[in-house]
Amino acid sequence: MRPLRHHLRQETEAAHLALHRHPGFAAIESGEIVPQDHDQLMARVGGFYAILDPLASAASKVLGDHLAGYRYRPRAALFPNKAEKQIHVPDLATPAELAGAVYVVDGAVLGGQILARAFGDQALHPYWQWCCHHGPAVWRTTKALLEHVDTDTAARDEATETALRVFKAFSEAIDGAFDKAEV
């Protein structure tokens, strides 16, 4: 059986690629984003973390003995401006649910490192700096968690379902950001 992270990559690929196609992230990657659009996008990303962080932090503390040393690292404080939308973040009551959620958001830290390169020497948003500084350590502990909870088909299904729901919640949080009708 292939590792859970490879299973999650395959099962969530469409949702992941849809985020790559978001106009804001595409503009960052191409180096064509303007400050106002970047600020709008990052406020939406911050709004997502303002909702997710308390849930993931609480789950990390409650489930601590079952997480192979994993501890969620909150990110909402990196966003001085948050544009919260009503989104539904799934419950994170089991190690597999937390693993599915952090597969998405901790994996995004690796993507954040890539996007940060597009800014060159320009001043980076604190989130992009955080991604560059913490990315390898965050992903290393996430991989350990994924390996730890990969115990059976039910855990895989639970992690996959949660990952897809977190991708959906993130997409809903940033939906409309970079929409020229809002500018």
N, C-alpha and C. Protein backbone atom coordinates (compact mmCIF):
# COMPACT_ATOMS: atom_id res chain seq x y z
N MET A 1 0.85 -1.17 0.00
CA MET A 1 0.00 0.00 0.00
C MET A 1 0.90 1.24 0.00
N ARG A 2 0.60 2.20 -0.86
CA ARG A 2 1.42 3.41 -0.94
C ARG A 2 1.19 4.29 0.30
N PRO A 3 2.17 5.14 0.62
CA PRO A 3 2.05 6.01 1.79
C PRO A 3 0.81 6.93 1.69
N LEU A 4 0.28 7.28 2.85
CA LEU A 4 -0.92 8.12 2.90
C LEU A 4 -0.73 9.44 2.17
N ARG A 5 0.44 10.06 2.29
CA ARG A 5 0.62 11.35 1.61
C ARG A 5 0.52 11.20 0.09
N HIS A 6 0.96 10.09 -0.45
CA HIS A 6 0.83 9.85 -1.89
C HIS A 6 -0.63 9.59 -2.25
N HIS A 7 -1.32 8.86 -1.38
CA HIS A 7 -2.75 8.62 -1.58
C HIS A 7 -3.51 9.95 -1.55
N LEU A 8 -3.21 10.80 -0.57
CA LEU A 8 -3.89 12.10 -0.48
C LEU A 8 -3.57 12.98 -1.69
N ARG A 9 -2.33 12.95 -2.14
CA ARG A 9 -1.96 13.75 -3.32
C ARG A 9 -2.81 13.34 -4.51
N GLN A 10 -2.96 12.05 -4.72
CA GLN A 10 -3.75 11.57 -5.86
C GLN A 10 -5.23 11.90 -5.69
N GLU A 11 -5.77 11.67 -4.50
CA GLU A 11 -7.20 11.87 -4.28
C GLU A 11 -7.62 13.33 -4.24
N THR A 12 -6.68 14.23 -3.96
CA THR A 12 -7.01 15.66 -3.86
C THR A 12 -6.42 16.48 -5.00
N GLU A 13 -5.86 15.81 -5.99
CA GLU A 13 -5.16 16.52 -7.06
C GLU A 13 -6.02 17.57 -7.76
N ALA A 14 -7.25 17.24 -8.07
CA ALA A 14 -8.12 18.20 -8.77
C ALA A 14 -8.34 19.46 -7.93
N ALA A 15 -8.59 19.29 -6.63
CA ALA A 15 -8.79 20.44 -5.75
C ALA A 15 -7.51 21.26 -5.63
N HIS A 16 -6.39 20.60 -5.55
CA HIS A 16 -5.10 21.26 -5.45
C HIS A 16 -4.82 22.09 -6.71
N LEU A 17 -5.02 21.48 -7.86
CA LEU A 17 -4.75 22.18 -9.12
C LEU A 17 -5.70 23.35 -9.32
N ALA A 18 -6.93 23.23 -8.84
CA ALA A 18 -7.88 24.34 -8.95
C ALA A 18 -7.36 25.56 -8.20
N LEU A 19 -6.71 25.35 -7.07
CA LEU A 19 -6.13 26.48 -6.33
C LEU A 19 -4.97 27.10 -7.10
N HIS A 20 -4.19 26.28 -7.78
CA HIS A 20 -3.10 26.82 -8.60
C HIS A 20 -3.64 27.74 -9.69
N ARG A 21 -4.83 27.45 -10.16
CA ARG A 21 -5.43 28.25 -11.22
C ARG A 21 -6.14 29.50 -10.71
N HIS A 22 -6.25 29.67 -9.39
CA HIS A 22 -6.88 30.86 -8.85
C HIS A 22 -6.13 32.08 -9.40
N PRO A 23 -6.85 33.10 -9.88
CA PRO A 23 -6.18 34.25 -10.50
C PRO A 23 -5.13 34.92 -9.61
N GLY A 24 -5.38 34.96 -8.30
CA GLY A 24 -4.41 35.59 -7.40
C GLY A 24 -3.11 34.82 -7.31
N PHE A 25 -3.21 33.51 -7.12
CA PHE A 25 -2.00 32.71 -7.03
C PHE A 25 -1.28 32.66 -8.37
N ALA A 26 -2.02 32.60 -9.45
CA ALA A 26 -1.40 32.61 -10.78
C ALA A 26 -0.66 33.93 -11.01
N ALA A 27 -1.25 35.05 -10.58
CA ALA A 27 -0.60 36.35 -10.74
C ALA A 27 0.67 36.45 -9.89
N ILE A 28 0.65 35.86 -8.71
CA ILE A 28 1.86 35.84 -7.88
C ILE A 28 2.94 35.05 -8.59
N GLU A 29 2.58 33.86 -9.04
CA GLU A 29 3.56 32.98 -9.68
C GLU A 29 4.17 33.62 -10.93
N SER A 30 3.36 34.37 -11.66
CA SER A 30 3.86 35.01 -12.88
C SER A 30 4.56 36.34 -12.60
N GLY A 31 4.50 36.81 -11.34
CA GLY A 31 5.12 38.08 -11.00
C GLY A 31 4.32 39.29 -11.40
N GLU A 32 3.05 39.10 -11.70
CA GLU A 32 2.21 40.18 -12.21
C GLU A 32 1.19 40.71 -11.21
N ILE A 33 1.23 40.28 -9.97
CA ILE A 33 0.23 40.74 -9.01
C ILE A 33 0.57 42.15 -8.54
N VAL A 34 -0.44 42.97 -8.37
CA VAL A 34 -0.25 44.33 -7.86
C VAL A 34 -0.56 44.33 -6.37
N PRO A 35 0.01 45.27 -5.63
CA PRO A 35 -0.15 45.27 -4.17
C PRO A 35 -1.61 45.21 -3.69
N GLN A 36 -2.50 45.95 -4.30
CA GLN A 36 -3.90 45.95 -3.85
C GLN A 36 -4.53 44.56 -3.99
N ASP A 37 -4.26 43.89 -5.08
CA ASP A 37 -4.79 42.54 -5.28
C ASP A 37 -4.15 41.55 -4.31
N HIS A 38 -2.86 41.70 -4.08
CA HIS A 38 -2.17 40.82 -3.14
C HIS A 38 -2.75 41.00 -1.74
N ASP A 39 -2.96 42.26 -1.34
CA ASP A 39 -3.52 42.52 -0.01
C ASP A 39 -4.90 41.89 0.14
N GLN A 40 -5.71 41.99 -0.91
CA GLN A 40 -7.06 41.42 -0.87
C GLN A 40 -6.99 39.89 -0.73
N LEU A 41 -6.13 39.26 -1.50
CA LEU A 41 -5.98 37.81 -1.43
C LEU A 41 -5.48 37.38 -0.06
N MET A 42 -4.48 38.06 0.46
CA MET A 42 -3.91 37.67 1.74
C MET A 42 -4.90 37.90 2.89
N ALA A 43 -5.75 38.90 2.79
CA ALA A 43 -6.79 39.10 3.81
C ALA A 43 -7.74 37.91 3.83
N ARG A 44 -8.05 37.38 2.65
CA ARG A 44 -8.92 36.19 2.59
C ARG A 44 -8.21 34.96 3.14
N VAL A 45 -6.93 34.80 2.82
CA VAL A 45 -6.16 33.68 3.37
C VAL A 45 -6.12 33.81 4.89
N GLY A 46 -5.89 35.02 5.38
CA GLY A 46 -5.89 35.25 6.83
C GLY A 46 -7.22 34.93 7.47
N GLY A 47 -8.31 35.24 6.78
CA GLY A 47 -9.64 34.91 7.29
C GLY A 47 -9.83 33.41 7.43
N PHE A 48 -9.31 32.67 6.48
CA PHE A 48 -9.37 31.20 6.56
C PHE A 48 -8.63 30.70 7.80
N TYR A 49 -7.41 31.19 8.01
CA TYR A 49 -6.64 30.73 9.16
C TYR A 49 -7.26 31.19 10.48
N ALA A 50 -7.92 32.33 10.48
CA ALA A 50 -8.60 32.79 11.70
C ALA A 50 -9.67 31.79 12.13
N ILE A 51 -10.26 31.10 11.18
CA ILE A 51 -11.27 30.08 11.48
C ILE A 51 -10.63 28.73 11.77
N LEU A 52 -9.64 28.34 10.96
CA LEU A 52 -9.01 27.02 11.12
C LEU A 52 -8.12 26.91 12.35
N ASP A 53 -7.32 27.94 12.63
CA ASP A 53 -6.32 27.84 13.69
C ASP A 53 -6.87 27.36 15.04
N PRO A 54 -7.96 27.94 15.55
CA PRO A 54 -8.44 27.46 16.85
C PRO A 54 -8.85 25.99 16.84
N LEU A 55 -9.44 25.54 15.74
CA LEU A 55 -9.85 24.14 15.64
C LEU A 55 -8.65 23.21 15.57
N ALA A 56 -7.70 23.54 14.71
CA ALA A 56 -6.52 22.68 14.55
C ALA A 56 -5.65 22.72 15.81
N SER A 57 -5.53 23.87 16.43
CA SER A 57 -4.73 23.97 17.66
C SER A 57 -5.36 23.14 18.78
N ALA A 58 -6.67 23.25 18.94
CA ALA A 58 -7.37 22.49 19.98
C ALA A 58 -7.25 20.99 19.71
N ALA A 59 -7.44 20.58 18.47
CA ALA A 59 -7.32 19.16 18.13
C ALA A 59 -5.91 18.66 18.41
N SER A 60 -4.93 19.47 18.07
CA SER A 60 -3.54 19.09 18.28
C SER A 60 -3.26 18.88 19.77
N LYS A 61 -3.84 19.73 20.63
CA LYS A 61 -3.64 19.58 22.07
C LYS A 61 -4.38 18.37 22.62
N VAL A 62 -5.65 18.22 22.24
CA VAL A 62 -6.48 17.13 22.76
C VAL A 62 -5.96 15.77 22.31
N LEU A 63 -5.55 15.68 21.05
CA LEU A 63 -5.12 14.41 20.48
C LEU A 63 -3.61 14.17 20.62
N GLY A 64 -2.94 15.05 21.32
CA GLY A 64 -1.48 15.06 21.38
C GLY A 64 -0.79 13.73 21.52
N ASP A 65 -1.28 12.87 22.38
CA ASP A 65 -0.62 11.58 22.59
C ASP A 65 -0.74 10.65 21.39
N HIS A 66 -1.60 10.98 20.46
CA HIS A 66 -1.85 10.11 19.30
C HIS A 66 -1.31 10.71 17.99
N LEU A 67 -0.43 11.70 18.11
CA LEU A 67 -0.02 12.43 16.91
C LEU A 67 1.47 12.33 16.56
N ALA A 68 2.17 11.40 17.13
CA ALA A 68 3.59 11.18 16.80
C ALA A 68 4.41 12.46 16.97
N GLY A 69 4.08 13.25 18.01
CA GLY A 69 4.83 14.47 18.27
C GLY A 69 4.40 15.68 17.45
N TYR A 70 3.40 15.54 16.61
CA TYR A 70 2.95 16.66 15.78
C TYR A 70 2.26 17.71 16.65
N ARG A 71 2.53 18.98 16.36
CA ARG A 71 1.83 20.10 16.97
C ARG A 71 1.52 21.10 15.86
N TYR A 72 0.26 21.49 15.78
CA TYR A 72 -0.14 22.47 14.77
C TYR A 72 0.48 23.83 15.09
N ARG A 73 0.93 24.53 14.07
CA ARG A 73 1.51 25.87 14.23
C ARG A 73 0.53 26.89 13.66
N PRO A 74 -0.13 27.65 14.53
CA PRO A 74 -1.12 28.64 14.06
C PRO A 74 -0.49 29.70 13.16
N ARG A 75 -1.32 30.23 12.27
CA ARG A 75 -0.83 31.21 11.30
C ARG A 75 -1.62 32.50 11.26
N ALA A 76 -2.79 32.55 11.87
CA ALA A 76 -3.67 33.73 11.75
C ALA A 76 -2.97 35.01 12.19
N ALA A 77 -2.09 34.94 13.17
CA ALA A 77 -1.42 36.14 13.66
C ALA A 77 -0.50 36.77 12.61
N LEU A 78 -0.18 36.03 11.56
CA LEU A 78 0.66 36.56 10.48
C LEU A 78 -0.10 37.51 9.57
N PHE A 79 -1.39 37.59 9.75
CA PHE A 79 -2.25 38.37 8.86
C PHE A 79 -2.89 39.52 9.65
N PRO A 80 -2.33 40.73 9.52
CA PRO A 80 -2.91 41.85 10.26
C PRO A 80 -4.33 42.18 9.80
N ASN A 81 -4.61 41.95 8.54
CA ASN A 81 -5.95 42.19 8.00
C ASN A 81 -6.56 40.86 7.62
N LYS A 82 -7.73 40.59 8.19
CA LYS A 82 -8.41 39.33 7.89
C LYS A 82 -9.80 39.62 7.36
N ALA A 83 -10.12 38.99 6.25
CA ALA A 83 -11.46 39.11 5.67
C ALA A 83 -12.15 37.77 5.84
N GLU A 84 -12.83 37.60 6.96
CA GLU A 84 -13.47 36.32 7.24
C GLU A 84 -14.79 36.20 6.49
N LYS A 85 -14.98 35.05 5.93
CA LYS A 85 -16.24 34.70 5.26
C LYS A 85 -16.83 33.53 6.03
N GLN A 86 -18.11 33.32 5.85
CA GLN A 86 -18.74 32.16 6.47
C GLN A 86 -18.37 30.92 5.67
N ILE A 87 -17.49 30.13 6.25
CA ILE A 87 -17.08 28.88 5.62
C ILE A 87 -17.22 27.79 6.66
N HIS A 88 -17.32 26.57 6.20
CA HIS A 88 -17.40 25.45 7.13
C HIS A 88 -16.10 24.66 7.07
N VAL A 89 -15.40 24.67 8.18
CA VAL A 89 -14.20 23.86 8.32
C VAL A 89 -14.64 22.59 9.05
N PRO A 90 -14.24 21.44 8.56
CA PRO A 90 -14.70 20.19 9.18
C PRO A 90 -14.20 20.02 10.61
N ASP A 91 -14.91 19.21 11.35
CA ASP A 91 -14.46 18.84 12.69
C ASP A 91 -13.12 18.12 12.59
N LEU A 92 -12.32 18.29 13.60
CA LEU A 92 -11.01 17.64 13.64
C LEU A 92 -10.92 16.86 14.94
N ALA A 93 -11.77 15.84 15.05
CA ALA A 93 -11.90 15.11 16.31
C ALA A 93 -11.03 13.87 16.41
N THR A 94 -10.44 13.44 15.30
CA THR A 94 -9.62 12.23 15.31
C THR A 94 -8.25 12.54 14.72
N PRO A 95 -7.26 11.72 15.01
CA PRO A 95 -5.94 11.92 14.40
C PRO A 95 -6.02 11.92 12.86
N ALA A 96 -6.85 11.06 12.28
CA ALA A 96 -6.94 11.01 10.82
C ALA A 96 -7.56 12.29 10.26
N GLU A 97 -8.56 12.84 10.94
CA GLU A 97 -9.16 14.10 10.48
C GLU A 97 -8.14 15.24 10.55
N LEU A 98 -7.41 15.31 11.66
CA LEU A 98 -6.38 16.35 11.77
C LEU A 98 -5.32 16.14 10.69
N ALA A 99 -4.93 14.90 10.44
CA ALA A 99 -3.93 14.62 9.41
C ALA A 99 -4.40 15.08 8.04
N GLY A 100 -5.66 14.83 7.72
CA GLY A 100 -6.19 15.28 6.44
C GLY A 100 -6.17 16.79 6.32
N ALA A 101 -6.53 17.48 7.39
CA ALA A 101 -6.55 18.95 7.36
C ALA A 101 -5.15 19.52 7.22
N VAL A 102 -4.21 19.00 8.01
CA VAL A 102 -2.87 19.58 7.95
C VAL A 102 -2.11 19.15 6.70
N TYR A 103 -2.52 18.05 6.09
CA TYR A 103 -1.93 17.72 4.78
C TYR A 103 -2.14 18.90 3.84
N VAL A 104 -3.32 19.51 3.89
CA VAL A 104 -3.64 20.64 3.01
C VAL A 104 -2.88 21.89 3.43
N VAL A 105 -3.03 22.31 4.69
CA VAL A 105 -2.47 23.60 5.09
C VAL A 105 -0.96 23.55 5.31
N ASP A 106 -0.44 22.43 5.78
CA ASP A 106 1.02 22.34 5.91
C ASP A 106 1.67 22.11 4.55
N GLY A 107 0.97 21.43 3.66
CA GLY A 107 1.45 21.32 2.28
C GLY A 107 1.47 22.68 1.61
N ALA A 108 0.52 23.54 1.97
CA ALA A 108 0.48 24.89 1.41
C ALA A 108 1.71 25.70 1.81
N VAL A 109 2.32 25.35 2.93
CA VAL A 109 3.55 26.03 3.35
C VAL A 109 4.65 25.77 2.32
N LEU A 110 4.70 24.56 1.78
CA LEU A 110 5.68 24.28 0.72
C LEU A 110 5.37 25.09 -0.52
N GLY A 111 4.09 25.18 -0.88
CA GLY A 111 3.69 26.02 -2.00
C GLY A 111 4.01 27.48 -1.75
N GLY A 112 3.88 27.89 -0.49
CA GLY A 112 4.21 29.27 -0.13
C GLY A 112 5.67 29.59 -0.35
N GLN A 113 6.53 28.61 -0.15
CA GLN A 113 7.95 28.82 -0.42
C GLN A 113 8.17 29.10 -1.91
N ILE A 114 7.48 28.35 -2.74
CA ILE A 114 7.62 28.52 -4.19
C ILE A 114 7.09 29.88 -4.61
N LEU A 115 5.91 30.24 -4.10
CA LEU A 115 5.34 31.54 -4.47
C LEU A 115 6.19 32.69 -3.96
N ALA A 116 6.82 32.53 -2.81
CA ALA A 116 7.66 33.59 -2.26
C ALA A 116 8.81 33.93 -3.19
N ARG A 117 9.31 32.95 -3.89
CA ARG A 117 10.41 33.19 -4.84
C ARG A 117 10.01 34.16 -5.94
N ALA A 118 8.73 34.19 -6.28
CA ALA A 118 8.26 35.08 -7.34
C ALA A 118 8.39 36.55 -6.96
N PHE A 119 8.51 36.84 -5.66
CA PHE A 119 8.62 38.22 -5.23
C PHE A 119 10.04 38.75 -5.30
N GLY A 120 11.00 37.88 -5.50
CA GLY A 120 12.39 38.32 -5.58
C GLY A 120 12.80 39.06 -4.34
N ASP A 121 13.35 40.26 -4.51
CA ASP A 121 13.84 41.05 -3.38
C ASP A 121 12.78 41.96 -2.78
N GLN A 122 11.57 41.91 -3.29
CA GLN A 122 10.50 42.76 -2.75
C GLN A 122 10.16 42.34 -1.33
N ALA A 123 9.58 43.26 -0.60
CA ALA A 123 9.15 42.94 0.77
C ALA A 123 8.06 41.88 0.70
N LEU A 124 8.22 40.85 1.49
CA LEU A 124 7.27 39.75 1.49
C LEU A 124 6.26 39.91 2.62
N HIS A 125 5.05 39.46 2.36
CA HIS A 125 4.03 39.37 3.41
C HIS A 125 4.59 38.44 4.50
N PRO A 126 4.26 38.70 5.76
CA PRO A 126 4.77 37.83 6.83
C PRO A 126 4.46 36.35 6.63
N TYR A 127 3.34 36.03 5.98
CA TYR A 127 3.02 34.62 5.74
C TYR A 127 4.05 33.96 4.82
N TRP A 128 4.44 34.66 3.75
CA TRP A 128 5.41 34.09 2.82
C TRP A 128 6.76 33.91 3.52
N GLN A 129 7.13 34.88 4.36
CA GLN A 129 8.37 34.75 5.13
C GLN A 129 8.29 33.54 6.06
N TRP A 130 7.14 33.37 6.72
CA TRP A 130 6.95 32.24 7.64
C TRP A 130 7.09 30.93 6.87
N CYS A 131 6.48 30.86 5.70
CA CYS A 131 6.58 29.65 4.87
C CYS A 131 8.04 29.32 4.56
N CYS A 132 8.81 30.33 4.19
CA CYS A 132 10.21 30.10 3.84
C CYS A 132 11.02 29.66 5.06
N HIS A 133 10.73 30.24 6.20
CA HIS A 133 11.49 29.93 7.41
C HIS A 133 11.10 28.59 8.02
N HIS A 134 9.81 28.27 8.04
CA HIS A 134 9.33 27.09 8.76
C HIS A 134 8.96 25.89 7.86
N GLY A 135 8.92 26.10 6.57
CA GLY A 135 8.44 25.07 5.65
C GLY A 135 9.01 23.68 5.84
N PRO A 136 10.33 23.51 5.80
CA PRO A 136 10.88 22.16 5.93
C PRO A 136 10.51 21.47 7.25
N ALA A 137 10.58 22.19 8.36
CA ALA A 137 10.26 21.59 9.66
C ALA A 137 8.78 21.24 9.75
N VAL A 138 7.92 22.14 9.25
CA VAL A 138 6.48 21.88 9.28
C VAL A 138 6.17 20.63 8.47
N TRP A 139 6.70 20.54 7.27
CA TRP A 139 6.39 19.39 6.42
C TRP A 139 6.96 18.10 6.99
N ARG A 140 8.12 18.16 7.60
CA ARG A 140 8.73 16.96 8.20
C ARG A 140 7.82 16.39 9.30
N THR A 141 7.28 17.25 10.16
CA THR A 141 6.40 16.75 11.22
C THR A 141 5.06 16.30 10.66
N THR A 142 4.61 16.94 9.60
CA THR A 142 3.35 16.53 8.96
C THR A 142 3.51 15.14 8.34
N LYS A 143 4.62 14.89 7.67
CA LYS A 143 4.85 13.56 7.10
C LYS A 143 4.87 12.50 8.19
N ALA A 144 5.47 12.81 9.33
CA ALA A 144 5.49 11.85 10.43
C ALA A 144 4.07 11.57 10.93
N LEU A 145 3.26 12.60 11.02
CA LEU A 145 1.86 12.42 11.43
C LEU A 145 1.11 11.56 10.42
N LEU A 146 1.29 11.84 9.14
CA LEU A 146 0.60 11.07 8.11
C LEU A 146 0.99 9.59 8.18
N GLU A 147 2.26 9.33 8.37
CA GLU A 147 2.71 7.94 8.48
C GLU A 147 2.13 7.28 9.74
N HIS A 148 2.02 8.04 10.81
CA HIS A 148 1.54 7.51 12.08
C HIS A 148 0.05 7.14 12.02
N VAL A 149 -0.75 7.95 11.35
CA VAL A 149 -2.21 7.67 11.32
C VAL A 149 -2.60 6.73 10.20
N ASP A 150 -1.66 6.38 9.35
CA ASP A 150 -1.94 5.52 8.20
C ASP A 150 -2.02 4.06 8.68
N THR A 151 -3.10 3.74 9.39
CA THR A 151 -3.21 2.42 10.01
C THR A 151 -4.17 1.49 9.29
N ASP A 152 -5.18 2.03 8.62
CA ASP A 152 -6.16 1.17 7.96
C ASP A 152 -6.95 1.97 6.93
N THR A 153 -7.81 1.29 6.21
CA THR A 153 -8.61 1.93 5.17
C THR A 153 -9.53 3.00 5.73
N ALA A 154 -10.10 2.75 6.91
CA ALA A 154 -11.01 3.73 7.51
C ALA A 154 -10.27 5.03 7.81
N ALA A 155 -9.05 4.95 8.34
CA ALA A 155 -8.27 6.16 8.63
C ALA A 155 -7.92 6.89 7.34
N ARG A 156 -7.58 6.17 6.29
CA ARG A 156 -7.29 6.79 4.99
C ARG A 156 -8.51 7.51 4.45
N ASP A 157 -9.64 6.85 4.55
CA ASP A 157 -10.88 7.47 4.05
C ASP A 157 -11.21 8.73 4.84
N GLU A 158 -11.03 8.67 6.13
CA GLU A 158 -11.32 9.82 7.00
C GLU A 158 -10.37 10.98 6.68
N ALA A 159 -9.10 10.69 6.52
CA ALA A 159 -8.12 11.73 6.18
C ALA A 159 -8.42 12.33 4.81
N THR A 160 -8.77 11.50 3.85
CA THR A 160 -9.07 11.97 2.50
C THR A 160 -10.30 12.86 2.50
N GLU A 161 -11.36 12.43 3.16
CA GLU A 161 -12.59 13.22 3.23
C GLU A 161 -12.32 14.59 3.86
N THR A 162 -11.55 14.59 4.94
CA THR A 162 -11.25 15.86 5.61
C THR A 162 -10.39 16.75 4.73
N ALA A 163 -9.40 16.19 4.07
CA ALA A 163 -8.55 16.98 3.18
C ALA A 163 -9.38 17.65 2.09
N LEU A 164 -10.28 16.90 1.49
CA LEU A 164 -11.13 17.48 0.44
C LEU A 164 -12.01 18.59 0.99
N ARG A 165 -12.51 18.41 2.20
CA ARG A 165 -13.36 19.43 2.82
C ARG A 165 -12.56 20.69 3.18
N VAL A 166 -11.31 20.52 3.57
CA VAL A 166 -10.47 21.68 3.88
C VAL A 166 -10.09 22.42 2.59
N PHE A 167 -9.78 21.68 1.53
CA PHE A 167 -9.56 22.33 0.23
C PHE A 167 -10.79 23.15 -0.16
N LYS A 168 -11.96 22.59 0.02
CA LYS A 168 -13.21 23.30 -0.32
C LYS A 168 -13.37 24.54 0.54
N ALA A 169 -13.13 24.42 1.85
CA ALA A 169 -13.26 25.57 2.75
C ALA A 169 -12.27 26.68 2.36
N PHE A 170 -11.04 26.30 2.03
CA PHE A 170 -10.06 27.30 1.63
C PHE A 170 -10.49 27.98 0.33
N SER A 171 -10.96 27.20 -0.61
CA SER A 171 -11.43 27.77 -1.88
C SER A 171 -12.58 28.75 -1.65
N GLU A 172 -13.50 28.38 -0.75
CA GLU A 172 -14.61 29.27 -0.43
C GLU A 172 -14.11 30.54 0.24
N ALA A 173 -13.10 30.41 1.09
CA ALA A 173 -12.57 31.58 1.80
C ALA A 173 -11.95 32.58 0.84
N ILE A 174 -11.28 32.11 -0.19
CA ILE A 174 -10.60 33.05 -1.11
C ILE A 174 -11.45 33.35 -2.34
N ASP A 175 -12.60 32.70 -2.48
CA ASP A 175 -13.46 32.95 -3.62
C ASP A 175 -13.83 34.44 -3.67
N GLY A 176 -13.64 35.03 -4.81
CA GLY A 176 -13.92 36.44 -4.99
C GLY A 176 -12.72 37.33 -4.79
N ALA A 177 -11.69 36.84 -4.11
CA ALA A 177 -10.47 37.63 -3.97
C ALA A 177 -9.86 37.73 -5.36
N PHE A 178 -9.42 38.91 -5.70
CA PHE A 178 -8.82 39.16 -6.99
C PHE A 178 -9.88 39.30 -8.07
N ASP A 179 -11.12 39.36 -7.66
CA ASP A 179 -12.23 39.58 -8.60
C ASP A 179 -12.31 41.07 -8.85
N LYS A 180 -12.06 41.47 -10.07
CA LYS A 180 -11.98 42.90 -10.39
C LYS A 180 -13.28 43.64 -10.08
N ALA A 181 -14.39 42.91 -9.96
CA ALA A 181 -15.66 43.55 -9.61
C ALA A 181 -15.62 44.07 -8.18
N GLU A 182 -14.74 43.51 -7.32
CA GLU A 182 -14.65 43.92 -5.92
C GLU A 182 -13.72 45.11 -5.73
N VAL A 183 -12.87 45.39 -6.70
CA VAL A 183 -11.84 46.43 -6.54
C VAL A 183 -12.48 47.79 -6.59
